[in-house]
């Protein structure tokens, strides 16, 4: 069984502290990927900012409640604020029981169903050869760990990495986790020849200029 984790707990400082509930066209940015997963019948967990750590949580709680009522999928929260995607990933993986987890952020609006299907097609190869994550990789060596698949068994290593991170009181990149796993690297061209799906939006200007009809 496959499930997904949508990461939506980042600082989003260049978007004024808000990203998932910024409008993209006539809907929230996060709804682009959520609608797609629903259409593909892939259950998902969404990891939000924790309202407990906000000065004015009321608006965030209202939006998260709207989201839950719309999708009826599991939501959870970062248990430590401002410590990066590994915290959200662990929160999400502790709330899923599927064998493989598709990790995706809320701010990549050009993801397509075809690209997700292409990524999922490598699961059989990974299982036959003992890989525990499937990660797209560019020719220059850059990887896409936020559009990747992780076997549920990797949660044990993830927990240890997060524990180390908290002990040092600093965030680690997801690459730190992948270095401890046995990754199957997949050429990005086999996922999406245009590589448009890997574009993420970080500023209000990028959101304003994005063409959502591509």
N, C-alpha and C. Protein backbone atom coordinates (compact mmCIF):
# COMPACT_ATOMS: atom_id res chain seq x y z
N UNK A 1 0.84 -1.20 0.00
CA UNK A 1 0.00 0.00 0.00
C UNK A 1 0.88 1.25 0.00
N UNK A 2 0.42 2.26 -0.72
CA UNK A 2 1.13 3.53 -0.83
C UNK A 2 0.32 4.61 -0.11
N UNK A 3 1.00 5.47 0.58
CA UNK A 3 0.36 6.67 1.11
C UNK A 3 1.31 7.84 0.88
N UNK A 4 0.86 9.03 1.18
CA UNK A 4 1.67 10.22 0.96
C UNK A 4 1.73 11.07 2.23
N UNK A 5 2.79 11.85 2.32
CA UNK A 5 2.91 12.87 3.36
C UNK A 5 3.09 14.21 2.67
N UNK A 6 2.19 15.13 2.95
CA UNK A 6 2.32 16.50 2.45
C UNK A 6 2.94 17.35 3.54
N UNK A 7 4.11 17.90 3.26
CA UNK A 7 4.77 18.76 4.24
C UNK A 7 4.29 20.20 4.08
N UNK A 8 3.78 20.74 5.17
CA UNK A 8 3.22 22.09 5.12
C UNK A 8 3.54 22.88 6.38
N UNK A 9 4.68 22.58 7.00
CA UNK A 9 4.97 23.22 8.27
C UNK A 9 6.16 24.16 8.26
N UNK A 10 6.65 24.52 7.08
CA UNK A 10 7.84 25.35 7.00
C UNK A 10 7.61 26.79 7.45
N UNK A 11 8.71 27.52 7.63
CA UNK A 11 8.63 28.91 8.08
C UNK A 11 8.01 29.82 7.03
N UNK A 12 8.31 29.56 5.74
CA UNK A 12 7.78 30.38 4.64
C UNK A 12 8.04 31.87 4.86
N UNK A 13 9.25 32.19 5.30
CA UNK A 13 9.57 33.57 5.64
C UNK A 13 9.45 34.50 4.45
N UNK A 14 9.83 34.00 3.24
CA UNK A 14 9.76 34.86 2.05
C UNK A 14 8.34 35.00 1.52
N UNK A 15 7.39 34.28 2.12
CA UNK A 15 5.98 34.45 1.79
C UNK A 15 5.21 35.05 2.97
N UNK A 16 5.93 35.72 3.82
CA UNK A 16 5.27 36.36 4.95
C UNK A 16 4.79 35.38 5.99
N UNK A 17 5.43 34.21 6.06
CA UNK A 17 5.07 33.23 7.08
C UNK A 17 3.94 32.32 6.70
N UNK A 18 3.42 32.46 5.50
CA UNK A 18 2.31 31.62 5.04
C UNK A 18 2.59 31.09 3.66
N UNK A 19 2.38 29.80 3.46
CA UNK A 19 2.58 29.22 2.14
C UNK A 19 1.42 28.31 1.75
N UNK A 20 1.12 27.32 2.55
CA UNK A 20 0.11 26.32 2.17
C UNK A 20 -1.24 26.94 1.88
N UNK A 21 -1.61 28.00 2.62
CA UNK A 21 -2.92 28.61 2.43
C UNK A 21 -2.85 29.93 1.67
N UNK A 22 -1.81 30.09 0.86
CA UNK A 22 -1.80 31.16 -0.13
C UNK A 22 -2.63 30.70 -1.33
N UNK A 23 -3.32 31.63 -1.95
CA UNK A 23 -4.14 31.28 -3.09
C UNK A 23 -3.30 31.08 -4.35
N UNK A 24 -3.58 29.99 -5.07
CA UNK A 24 -2.99 29.77 -6.39
C UNK A 24 -4.16 29.57 -7.34
N UNK A 25 -4.46 30.60 -8.11
CA UNK A 25 -5.68 30.55 -8.90
C UNK A 25 -6.87 30.72 -7.97
N UNK A 26 -7.81 29.77 -8.05
CA UNK A 26 -9.01 29.88 -7.23
C UNK A 26 -9.00 28.95 -6.03
N UNK A 27 -7.83 28.42 -5.68
CA UNK A 27 -7.77 27.55 -4.51
C UNK A 27 -6.44 27.72 -3.80
N UNK A 28 -6.36 27.16 -2.62
CA UNK A 28 -5.12 27.25 -1.85
C UNK A 28 -4.02 26.42 -2.51
N UNK A 29 -2.79 26.87 -2.32
CA UNK A 29 -1.63 26.19 -2.92
C UNK A 29 -1.59 24.71 -2.54
N UNK A 30 -1.85 24.40 -1.30
CA UNK A 30 -1.79 23.02 -0.84
C UNK A 30 -2.86 22.15 -1.48
N UNK A 31 -3.94 22.75 -1.94
CA UNK A 31 -5.02 21.97 -2.53
C UNK A 31 -4.65 21.38 -3.89
N UNK A 32 -3.64 21.94 -4.55
CA UNK A 32 -3.21 21.38 -5.82
C UNK A 32 -2.79 19.92 -5.65
N UNK A 33 -1.89 19.65 -4.70
CA UNK A 33 -1.42 18.29 -4.50
C UNK A 33 -2.46 17.43 -3.79
N UNK A 34 -3.21 18.01 -2.85
CA UNK A 34 -4.23 17.24 -2.14
C UNK A 34 -5.30 16.74 -3.11
N UNK A 35 -5.76 17.60 -4.01
CA UNK A 35 -6.77 17.19 -4.99
C UNK A 35 -6.25 16.08 -5.88
N UNK A 36 -4.98 16.16 -6.26
CA UNK A 36 -4.39 15.15 -7.13
C UNK A 36 -4.32 13.79 -6.43
N UNK A 37 -3.91 13.80 -5.18
CA UNK A 37 -3.82 12.54 -4.43
C UNK A 37 -5.20 11.91 -4.23
N UNK A 38 -6.20 12.74 -3.99
CA UNK A 38 -7.57 12.23 -3.87
C UNK A 38 -8.00 11.58 -5.18
N UNK A 39 -7.71 12.25 -6.29
CA UNK A 39 -8.09 11.71 -7.60
C UNK A 39 -7.38 10.39 -7.89
N UNK A 40 -6.15 10.26 -7.40
CA UNK A 40 -5.38 9.04 -7.62
C UNK A 40 -5.66 7.98 -6.55
N UNK A 41 -6.53 8.31 -5.62
CA UNK A 41 -6.92 7.41 -4.52
C UNK A 41 -5.71 6.99 -3.68
N UNK A 42 -4.83 7.96 -3.43
CA UNK A 42 -3.68 7.75 -2.56
C UNK A 42 -3.98 8.44 -1.23
N UNK A 43 -4.13 7.71 -0.14
CA UNK A 43 -4.38 8.35 1.15
C UNK A 43 -3.17 9.17 1.58
N UNK A 44 -3.40 10.20 2.36
CA UNK A 44 -2.27 11.06 2.73
C UNK A 44 -2.42 11.64 4.13
N UNK A 45 -1.27 11.97 4.69
CA UNK A 45 -1.17 12.68 5.96
C UNK A 45 -0.61 14.06 5.65
N UNK A 46 -1.21 15.08 6.19
CA UNK A 46 -0.69 16.44 6.01
C UNK A 46 -0.11 16.93 7.32
N UNK A 47 1.12 17.41 7.25
CA UNK A 47 1.80 17.92 8.45
C UNK A 47 1.79 19.44 8.40
N UNK A 48 1.05 20.03 9.32
CA UNK A 48 0.92 21.49 9.38
C UNK A 48 1.80 22.08 10.48
N UNK A 49 1.93 23.39 10.43
CA UNK A 49 2.49 24.12 11.57
C UNK A 49 1.60 23.85 12.78
N UNK A 50 2.21 23.78 13.93
CA UNK A 50 1.45 23.55 15.15
C UNK A 50 0.94 24.88 15.71
N UNK A 51 -0.38 25.05 15.76
CA UNK A 51 -0.92 26.32 16.28
C UNK A 51 -0.46 26.64 17.69
N UNK A 52 -0.04 25.64 18.44
CA UNK A 52 0.44 25.89 19.81
C UNK A 52 1.63 26.83 19.84
N UNK A 53 2.40 26.84 18.74
CA UNK A 53 3.61 27.65 18.70
C UNK A 53 3.39 29.01 18.04
N UNK A 54 2.13 29.36 17.77
CA UNK A 54 1.82 30.62 17.10
C UNK A 54 1.28 31.64 18.08
N UNK A 55 1.60 32.90 17.83
CA UNK A 55 1.09 33.98 18.68
C UNK A 55 -0.41 34.17 18.48
N UNK A 56 -0.86 34.06 17.22
CA UNK A 56 -2.28 34.21 16.91
C UNK A 56 -2.73 33.00 16.09
N UNK A 57 -3.10 31.92 16.76
CA UNK A 57 -3.38 30.66 16.07
C UNK A 57 -4.78 30.54 15.47
N UNK A 58 -5.67 31.45 15.77
CA UNK A 58 -7.08 31.26 15.41
C UNK A 58 -7.29 31.07 13.92
N UNK A 59 -6.66 31.93 13.10
CA UNK A 59 -6.85 31.85 11.65
C UNK A 59 -6.29 30.55 11.09
N UNK A 60 -5.12 30.13 11.60
CA UNK A 60 -4.51 28.88 11.14
C UNK A 60 -5.40 27.69 11.50
N UNK A 61 -5.95 27.69 12.71
CA UNK A 61 -6.84 26.60 13.13
C UNK A 61 -8.07 26.54 12.23
N UNK A 62 -8.62 27.69 11.88
CA UNK A 62 -9.79 27.76 11.02
C UNK A 62 -9.50 27.16 9.64
N UNK A 63 -8.33 27.49 9.09
CA UNK A 63 -7.97 26.98 7.76
C UNK A 63 -7.69 25.47 7.81
N UNK A 64 -7.01 25.03 8.85
CA UNK A 64 -6.74 23.60 8.98
C UNK A 64 -8.04 22.82 9.14
N UNK A 65 -8.99 23.38 9.85
CA UNK A 65 -10.30 22.73 10.02
C UNK A 65 -11.04 22.65 8.70
N UNK A 66 -10.99 23.74 7.92
CA UNK A 66 -11.58 23.72 6.57
C UNK A 66 -10.97 22.60 5.73
N UNK A 67 -9.66 22.51 5.78
CA UNK A 67 -8.92 21.50 5.00
C UNK A 67 -9.34 20.09 5.42
N UNK A 68 -9.40 19.84 6.72
CA UNK A 68 -9.77 18.51 7.21
C UNK A 68 -11.20 18.15 6.79
N UNK A 69 -12.11 19.11 6.89
CA UNK A 69 -13.50 18.84 6.51
C UNK A 69 -13.63 18.56 5.01
N UNK A 70 -12.76 19.17 4.22
CA UNK A 70 -12.82 18.95 2.77
C UNK A 70 -12.29 17.58 2.38
N UNK A 71 -11.17 17.15 2.98
CA UNK A 71 -10.50 15.93 2.51
C UNK A 71 -10.69 14.72 3.41
N UNK A 72 -11.00 14.92 4.67
CA UNK A 72 -11.16 13.81 5.62
C UNK A 72 -9.96 12.87 5.61
N UNK A 73 -8.79 13.47 5.52
CA UNK A 73 -7.53 12.74 5.61
C UNK A 73 -6.82 13.15 6.90
N UNK A 74 -5.92 12.30 7.34
CA UNK A 74 -5.21 12.57 8.60
C UNK A 74 -4.41 13.86 8.53
N UNK A 75 -4.50 14.67 9.58
CA UNK A 75 -3.60 15.81 9.71
C UNK A 75 -2.84 15.67 11.03
N UNK A 76 -1.62 16.16 11.02
CA UNK A 76 -0.81 16.18 12.22
C UNK A 76 0.06 17.42 12.17
N UNK A 77 0.98 17.57 13.14
CA UNK A 77 1.68 18.84 13.27
C UNK A 77 3.15 18.60 13.59
N UNK A 78 3.98 19.58 13.23
CA UNK A 78 5.37 19.58 13.68
C UNK A 78 5.38 19.60 15.22
N UNK A 79 6.14 18.69 15.82
CA UNK A 79 6.17 18.67 17.29
C UNK A 79 7.27 19.58 17.84
N UNK A 80 8.14 20.08 16.97
CA UNK A 80 9.13 21.09 17.33
C UNK A 80 9.10 22.15 16.22
N UNK A 81 8.97 23.42 16.55
CA UNK A 81 8.86 24.44 15.50
C UNK A 81 10.22 24.82 14.92
N UNK A 82 10.22 25.14 13.62
CA UNK A 82 11.39 25.74 13.00
C UNK A 82 12.61 24.87 12.86
N UNK A 83 12.43 23.54 12.83
CA UNK A 83 13.57 22.63 12.78
C UNK A 83 13.67 21.87 11.46
N UNK A 84 12.92 22.30 10.46
CA UNK A 84 13.10 21.73 9.13
C UNK A 84 12.21 20.54 8.82
N UNK A 85 12.34 20.01 7.60
CA UNK A 85 11.42 18.99 7.09
C UNK A 85 11.52 17.62 7.76
N UNK A 86 12.66 17.30 8.38
CA UNK A 86 12.78 15.99 9.02
C UNK A 86 11.79 15.84 10.17
N UNK A 87 11.50 16.92 10.86
CA UNK A 87 10.51 16.88 11.94
C UNK A 87 9.14 16.54 11.37
N UNK A 88 8.76 17.23 10.29
CA UNK A 88 7.47 16.97 9.66
C UNK A 88 7.39 15.57 9.08
N UNK A 89 8.49 15.13 8.50
CA UNK A 89 8.53 13.78 7.93
C UNK A 89 8.30 12.74 9.01
N UNK A 90 8.94 12.90 10.16
CA UNK A 90 8.75 11.95 11.25
C UNK A 90 7.32 12.00 11.78
N UNK A 91 6.78 13.18 11.95
CA UNK A 91 5.39 13.31 12.39
C UNK A 91 4.46 12.58 11.44
N UNK A 92 4.70 12.73 10.13
CA UNK A 92 3.86 12.07 9.15
C UNK A 92 4.01 10.57 9.14
N UNK A 93 5.25 10.09 9.20
CA UNK A 93 5.49 8.64 9.11
C UNK A 93 4.97 7.91 10.34
N UNK A 94 4.91 8.59 11.47
CA UNK A 94 4.35 7.97 12.68
C UNK A 94 2.83 7.87 12.59
N UNK A 95 2.26 8.47 11.57
CA UNK A 95 0.80 8.43 11.40
C UNK A 95 0.37 7.69 10.14
N UNK A 96 1.24 6.83 9.63
CA UNK A 96 0.88 6.02 8.48
C UNK A 96 1.36 4.59 8.67
N UNK A 97 0.68 3.65 8.05
CA UNK A 97 1.05 2.24 8.17
C UNK A 97 1.36 1.62 6.81
N UNK A 98 1.40 2.43 5.77
CA UNK A 98 1.67 1.90 4.44
C UNK A 98 3.13 1.50 4.30
N UNK A 99 3.41 0.61 3.36
CA UNK A 99 4.77 0.13 3.15
C UNK A 99 5.68 1.19 2.56
N UNK A 100 5.12 1.98 1.64
CA UNK A 100 5.89 3.04 1.00
C UNK A 100 5.19 4.37 1.19
N UNK A 101 5.99 5.40 1.43
CA UNK A 101 5.45 6.74 1.68
C UNK A 101 6.01 7.71 0.65
N UNK A 102 5.12 8.39 -0.03
CA UNK A 102 5.49 9.41 -1.00
C UNK A 102 5.56 10.75 -0.28
N UNK A 103 6.76 11.31 -0.20
CA UNK A 103 6.96 12.58 0.48
C UNK A 103 6.89 13.71 -0.53
N UNK A 104 6.09 14.73 -0.22
CA UNK A 104 5.91 15.83 -1.17
C UNK A 104 5.60 17.11 -0.38
N UNK A 105 6.13 18.25 -0.82
CA UNK A 105 5.81 19.51 -0.14
C UNK A 105 4.54 20.13 -0.71
N UNK A 106 4.05 21.13 -0.01
CA UNK A 106 2.82 21.79 -0.47
C UNK A 106 3.08 22.81 -1.55
N UNK A 107 4.36 23.13 -1.82
CA UNK A 107 4.68 24.29 -2.67
C UNK A 107 5.25 23.92 -4.03
N UNK A 108 4.93 22.72 -4.53
CA UNK A 108 5.35 22.31 -5.89
C UNK A 108 4.09 22.14 -6.74
N UNK A 109 3.57 23.24 -7.29
CA UNK A 109 2.25 23.21 -7.92
C UNK A 109 2.18 22.56 -9.29
N UNK A 110 3.35 22.21 -9.88
CA UNK A 110 3.33 21.68 -11.24
C UNK A 110 3.49 20.16 -11.29
N UNK A 111 3.37 19.52 -10.14
CA UNK A 111 3.40 18.05 -10.09
C UNK A 111 2.25 17.50 -10.91
N UNK A 112 2.51 16.42 -11.62
CA UNK A 112 1.49 15.77 -12.44
C UNK A 112 1.25 14.35 -11.96
N UNK A 113 0.10 13.82 -12.30
CA UNK A 113 -0.20 12.42 -11.99
C UNK A 113 0.83 11.50 -12.65
N UNK A 114 1.19 11.83 -13.88
CA UNK A 114 2.16 11.00 -14.60
C UNK A 114 3.50 10.93 -13.86
N UNK A 115 3.93 12.06 -13.30
CA UNK A 115 5.22 12.06 -12.59
C UNK A 115 5.16 11.19 -11.34
N UNK A 116 4.03 11.21 -10.66
CA UNK A 116 3.87 10.36 -9.47
C UNK A 116 3.85 8.89 -9.87
N UNK A 117 3.13 8.57 -10.92
CA UNK A 117 3.08 7.19 -11.42
C UNK A 117 4.46 6.72 -11.83
N UNK A 118 5.22 7.59 -12.49
CA UNK A 118 6.58 7.24 -12.90
C UNK A 118 7.45 6.91 -11.69
N UNK A 119 7.33 7.70 -10.63
CA UNK A 119 8.11 7.44 -9.42
C UNK A 119 7.69 6.12 -8.79
N UNK A 120 6.40 5.88 -8.71
CA UNK A 120 5.90 4.64 -8.11
C UNK A 120 6.33 3.40 -8.88
N UNK A 121 6.60 3.56 -10.16
CA UNK A 121 6.96 2.42 -10.99
C UNK A 121 8.30 1.79 -10.59
N UNK A 122 9.08 2.49 -9.78
CA UNK A 122 10.39 1.97 -9.37
C UNK A 122 10.32 1.18 -8.05
N UNK A 123 9.15 1.06 -7.49
CA UNK A 123 9.02 0.35 -6.21
C UNK A 123 9.44 -1.11 -6.34
N UNK A 124 9.00 -1.78 -7.40
CA UNK A 124 9.35 -3.19 -7.56
C UNK A 124 10.86 -3.38 -7.61
N UNK A 125 11.55 -2.55 -8.38
CA UNK A 125 13.01 -2.63 -8.46
C UNK A 125 13.65 -2.41 -7.09
N UNK A 126 13.12 -1.43 -6.35
CA UNK A 126 13.66 -1.13 -5.03
C UNK A 126 13.48 -2.32 -4.08
N UNK A 127 12.32 -2.93 -4.13
CA UNK A 127 12.06 -4.06 -3.23
C UNK A 127 12.90 -5.28 -3.59
N UNK A 128 13.11 -5.50 -4.86
CA UNK A 128 13.91 -6.65 -5.30
C UNK A 128 15.37 -6.51 -4.91
N UNK A 129 15.84 -5.27 -4.79
CA UNK A 129 17.27 -5.03 -4.54
C UNK A 129 17.57 -4.43 -3.17
N UNK A 130 16.58 -4.39 -2.31
CA UNK A 130 16.82 -3.97 -0.93
C UNK A 130 17.02 -2.49 -0.71
N UNK A 131 16.52 -1.65 -1.62
CA UNK A 131 16.60 -0.21 -1.41
C UNK A 131 15.48 0.24 -0.48
N UNK A 132 15.74 1.24 0.34
CA UNK A 132 14.69 1.71 1.25
C UNK A 132 14.23 3.14 0.98
N UNK A 133 14.71 3.74 -0.09
CA UNK A 133 14.14 5.00 -0.56
C UNK A 133 14.43 5.14 -2.05
N UNK A 134 13.59 5.91 -2.72
CA UNK A 134 13.69 6.10 -4.17
C UNK A 134 13.72 7.61 -4.41
N UNK A 135 14.84 8.10 -4.94
CA UNK A 135 15.09 9.54 -4.98
C UNK A 135 15.47 9.98 -6.39
N UNK A 136 14.74 10.91 -6.99
CA UNK A 136 15.14 11.46 -8.28
C UNK A 136 16.46 12.22 -8.17
N UNK A 137 17.30 12.08 -9.20
CA UNK A 137 18.62 12.71 -9.18
C UNK A 137 18.92 13.36 -10.52
N UNK A 138 19.39 14.60 -10.48
CA UNK A 138 19.76 15.33 -11.68
C UNK A 138 21.16 14.93 -12.13
N UNK A 139 21.47 15.23 -13.37
CA UNK A 139 22.79 14.87 -13.92
C UNK A 139 23.94 15.57 -13.20
N UNK A 140 23.65 16.73 -12.60
CA UNK A 140 24.70 17.45 -11.86
C UNK A 140 24.86 16.95 -10.43
N UNK A 141 24.11 15.89 -10.08
CA UNK A 141 24.22 15.30 -8.76
C UNK A 141 23.20 15.81 -7.76
N UNK A 142 22.49 16.87 -8.10
CA UNK A 142 21.46 17.41 -7.20
C UNK A 142 20.31 16.42 -7.08
N UNK A 143 19.81 16.23 -5.87
CA UNK A 143 18.72 15.27 -5.67
C UNK A 143 17.44 15.99 -5.27
N UNK A 144 16.34 15.26 -5.36
CA UNK A 144 15.01 15.79 -5.04
C UNK A 144 14.40 14.99 -3.89
N UNK A 145 14.92 15.15 -2.67
CA UNK A 145 14.44 14.33 -1.55
C UNK A 145 13.03 14.66 -1.11
N UNK A 146 12.49 15.81 -1.56
CA UNK A 146 11.13 16.18 -1.21
C UNK A 146 10.11 15.76 -2.26
N UNK A 147 10.57 15.02 -3.26
CA UNK A 147 9.66 14.35 -4.19
C UNK A 147 10.20 12.93 -4.33
N UNK A 148 10.07 12.17 -3.26
CA UNK A 148 10.72 10.86 -3.18
C UNK A 148 9.84 9.87 -2.44
N UNK A 149 10.22 8.60 -2.52
CA UNK A 149 9.53 7.53 -1.81
C UNK A 149 10.43 6.97 -0.73
N UNK A 150 9.85 6.70 0.42
CA UNK A 150 10.59 6.14 1.55
C UNK A 150 9.86 4.91 2.07
N UNK A 151 10.59 3.82 2.28
CA UNK A 151 9.98 2.63 2.87
C UNK A 151 9.70 2.91 4.34
N UNK A 152 8.62 2.34 4.85
CA UNK A 152 8.22 2.60 6.22
C UNK A 152 9.31 2.19 7.22
N UNK A 153 10.14 1.23 6.84
CA UNK A 153 11.22 0.80 7.74
C UNK A 153 12.24 1.92 8.00
N UNK A 154 12.28 2.91 7.11
CA UNK A 154 13.24 4.00 7.29
C UNK A 154 12.88 4.91 8.45
N UNK A 155 11.69 4.74 9.01
CA UNK A 155 11.29 5.57 10.15
C UNK A 155 12.20 5.35 11.35
N UNK A 156 12.77 4.17 11.47
CA UNK A 156 13.67 3.90 12.59
C UNK A 156 14.94 4.75 12.49
N UNK A 157 15.52 4.78 11.29
CA UNK A 157 16.70 5.61 11.06
C UNK A 157 16.33 7.09 11.18
N UNK A 158 15.18 7.45 10.65
CA UNK A 158 14.71 8.83 10.74
C UNK A 158 14.61 9.27 12.20
N UNK A 159 14.07 8.40 13.04
CA UNK A 159 13.95 8.74 14.45
C UNK A 159 15.30 9.01 15.09
N UNK A 160 16.30 8.21 14.73
CA UNK A 160 17.64 8.41 15.30
C UNK A 160 18.26 9.72 14.80
N UNK A 161 18.06 10.03 13.53
CA UNK A 161 18.59 11.27 12.97
C UNK A 161 17.94 12.48 13.65
N UNK A 162 16.62 12.42 13.84
CA UNK A 162 15.92 13.52 14.49
C UNK A 162 16.39 13.67 15.95
N UNK A 163 16.60 12.54 16.62
CA UNK A 163 17.10 12.60 18.00
C UNK A 163 18.46 13.29 18.06
N UNK A 164 19.33 12.95 17.12
CA UNK A 164 20.64 13.60 17.06
C UNK A 164 20.49 15.09 16.77
N UNK A 165 19.58 15.40 15.89
CA UNK A 165 19.34 16.79 15.52
C UNK A 165 18.87 17.61 16.72
N UNK A 166 17.96 17.04 17.48
CA UNK A 166 17.45 17.75 18.66
C UNK A 166 18.50 17.88 19.74
N UNK A 167 19.35 16.87 19.88
CA UNK A 167 20.43 16.95 20.86
C UNK A 167 21.39 18.09 20.53
N UNK A 168 21.61 18.30 19.22
CA UNK A 168 22.51 19.37 18.79
C UNK A 168 21.79 20.71 18.62
N UNK A 169 20.46 20.66 18.75
CA UNK A 169 19.63 21.86 18.65
C UNK A 169 19.85 22.60 17.33
N UNK A 170 19.86 21.84 16.25
CA UNK A 170 19.97 22.44 14.92
C UNK A 170 19.31 21.53 13.90
N UNK A 171 18.85 22.11 12.81
CA UNK A 171 18.17 21.33 11.79
C UNK A 171 19.18 20.67 10.85
N UNK A 172 18.80 19.51 10.33
CA UNK A 172 19.58 18.81 9.32
C UNK A 172 18.80 18.81 8.01
N UNK A 173 19.49 18.81 6.88
CA UNK A 173 18.79 18.61 5.59
C UNK A 173 18.37 17.15 5.45
N UNK A 174 17.40 16.90 4.59
CA UNK A 174 16.94 15.52 4.39
C UNK A 174 18.07 14.66 3.84
N UNK A 175 19.02 15.29 3.17
CA UNK A 175 20.17 14.53 2.66
C UNK A 175 20.88 13.77 3.79
N UNK A 176 20.82 14.33 4.99
CA UNK A 176 21.44 13.67 6.15
C UNK A 176 20.78 12.31 6.41
N UNK A 177 19.47 12.24 6.24
CA UNK A 177 18.76 10.96 6.39
C UNK A 177 19.12 10.01 5.27
N UNK A 178 19.10 10.50 4.04
CA UNK A 178 19.36 9.65 2.88
C UNK A 178 20.76 9.04 2.96
N UNK A 179 21.71 9.77 3.52
CA UNK A 179 23.07 9.25 3.68
C UNK A 179 23.09 8.02 4.58
N UNK A 180 22.09 7.87 5.43
CA UNK A 180 22.01 6.73 6.35
C UNK A 180 21.18 5.57 5.77
N UNK A 181 20.54 5.82 4.64
CA UNK A 181 19.68 4.81 4.02
C UNK A 181 20.39 4.18 2.82
N UNK A 182 19.68 3.33 2.12
CA UNK A 182 20.20 2.69 0.91
C UNK A 182 19.33 3.16 -0.26
N UNK A 183 19.68 4.30 -0.84
CA UNK A 183 18.79 4.91 -1.83
C UNK A 183 18.93 4.33 -3.24
N UNK A 184 17.81 4.23 -3.92
CA UNK A 184 17.79 3.97 -5.35
C UNK A 184 17.65 5.33 -6.03
N UNK A 185 18.70 5.79 -6.68
CA UNK A 185 18.64 7.06 -7.39
C UNK A 185 18.09 6.84 -8.79
N UNK A 186 17.16 7.69 -9.17
CA UNK A 186 16.48 7.58 -10.45
C UNK A 186 16.70 8.86 -11.24
N UNK A 187 17.10 8.73 -12.48
CA UNK A 187 17.30 9.90 -13.34
C UNK A 187 16.01 10.72 -13.41
N UNK A 188 16.12 12.01 -13.21
CA UNK A 188 14.93 12.87 -13.21
C UNK A 188 14.18 12.79 -14.55
N UNK A 189 14.90 12.52 -15.62
CA UNK A 189 14.25 12.42 -16.93
C UNK A 189 13.23 11.29 -16.97
N UNK A 190 13.42 10.29 -16.11
CA UNK A 190 12.48 9.17 -16.07
C UNK A 190 11.23 9.50 -15.24
N UNK A 191 11.30 10.62 -14.55
CA UNK A 191 10.15 11.08 -13.77
C UNK A 191 9.38 12.16 -14.53
N UNK A 192 10.12 13.14 -15.04
CA UNK A 192 9.52 14.23 -15.81
C UNK A 192 10.60 14.85 -16.69
N UNK A 193 10.47 14.73 -17.98
CA UNK A 193 11.50 15.20 -18.90
C UNK A 193 11.69 16.71 -18.84
N UNK A 194 10.64 17.44 -18.51
CA UNK A 194 10.74 18.90 -18.44
C UNK A 194 11.35 19.38 -17.12
N UNK A 195 11.25 18.55 -16.09
CA UNK A 195 11.68 18.90 -14.72
C UNK A 195 10.85 20.02 -14.12
N UNK A 196 9.76 20.41 -14.77
CA UNK A 196 8.91 21.46 -14.22
C UNK A 196 8.31 21.06 -12.87
N UNK A 197 8.09 19.77 -12.68
CA UNK A 197 7.42 19.34 -11.45
C UNK A 197 8.25 19.66 -10.21
N UNK A 198 9.56 19.86 -10.39
CA UNK A 198 10.42 20.11 -9.23
C UNK A 198 10.50 21.58 -8.85
N UNK A 199 9.81 22.43 -9.60
CA UNK A 199 9.79 23.85 -9.28
C UNK A 199 8.96 24.07 -8.02
N UNK A 200 9.56 24.75 -7.06
CA UNK A 200 8.79 25.11 -5.87
C UNK A 200 8.72 26.63 -5.74
N UNK A 201 7.67 27.10 -5.12
CA UNK A 201 7.42 28.53 -5.01
C UNK A 201 7.83 29.01 -3.62
N UNK A 202 8.69 30.02 -3.58
CA UNK A 202 9.21 30.50 -2.30
C UNK A 202 8.84 31.94 -1.98
N UNK A 203 8.41 32.69 -2.99
CA UNK A 203 8.08 34.09 -2.76
C UNK A 203 6.70 34.41 -3.32
N UNK A 204 6.14 35.52 -2.85
CA UNK A 204 4.84 35.95 -3.36
C UNK A 204 4.93 36.30 -4.84
N UNK A 205 6.08 36.82 -5.29
CA UNK A 205 6.26 37.16 -6.70
C UNK A 205 6.24 35.89 -7.55
N UNK A 206 6.91 34.84 -7.08
CA UNK A 206 6.90 33.57 -7.82
C UNK A 206 5.48 33.02 -7.90
N UNK A 207 4.73 33.13 -6.82
CA UNK A 207 3.35 32.66 -6.82
C UNK A 207 2.51 33.46 -7.80
N UNK A 208 2.73 34.77 -7.81
CA UNK A 208 1.97 35.65 -8.70
C UNK A 208 2.27 35.35 -10.16
N UNK A 209 3.54 35.03 -10.48
CA UNK A 209 3.94 34.84 -11.86
C UNK A 209 3.75 33.40 -12.37
N UNK A 210 3.45 32.48 -11.46
CA UNK A 210 3.33 31.08 -11.84
C UNK A 210 2.15 30.89 -12.79
N UNK A 211 2.39 30.07 -13.81
CA UNK A 211 1.33 29.72 -14.77
C UNK A 211 0.82 28.34 -14.40
N UNK A 212 -0.38 28.27 -13.90
CA UNK A 212 -0.92 27.01 -13.41
C UNK A 212 -1.63 26.21 -14.50
N UNK A 213 -1.55 26.67 -15.73
CA UNK A 213 -2.16 25.94 -16.84
C UNK A 213 -1.16 25.15 -17.63
N UNK A 214 0.09 25.12 -17.21
CA UNK A 214 1.12 24.43 -18.00
C UNK A 214 0.92 22.91 -17.93
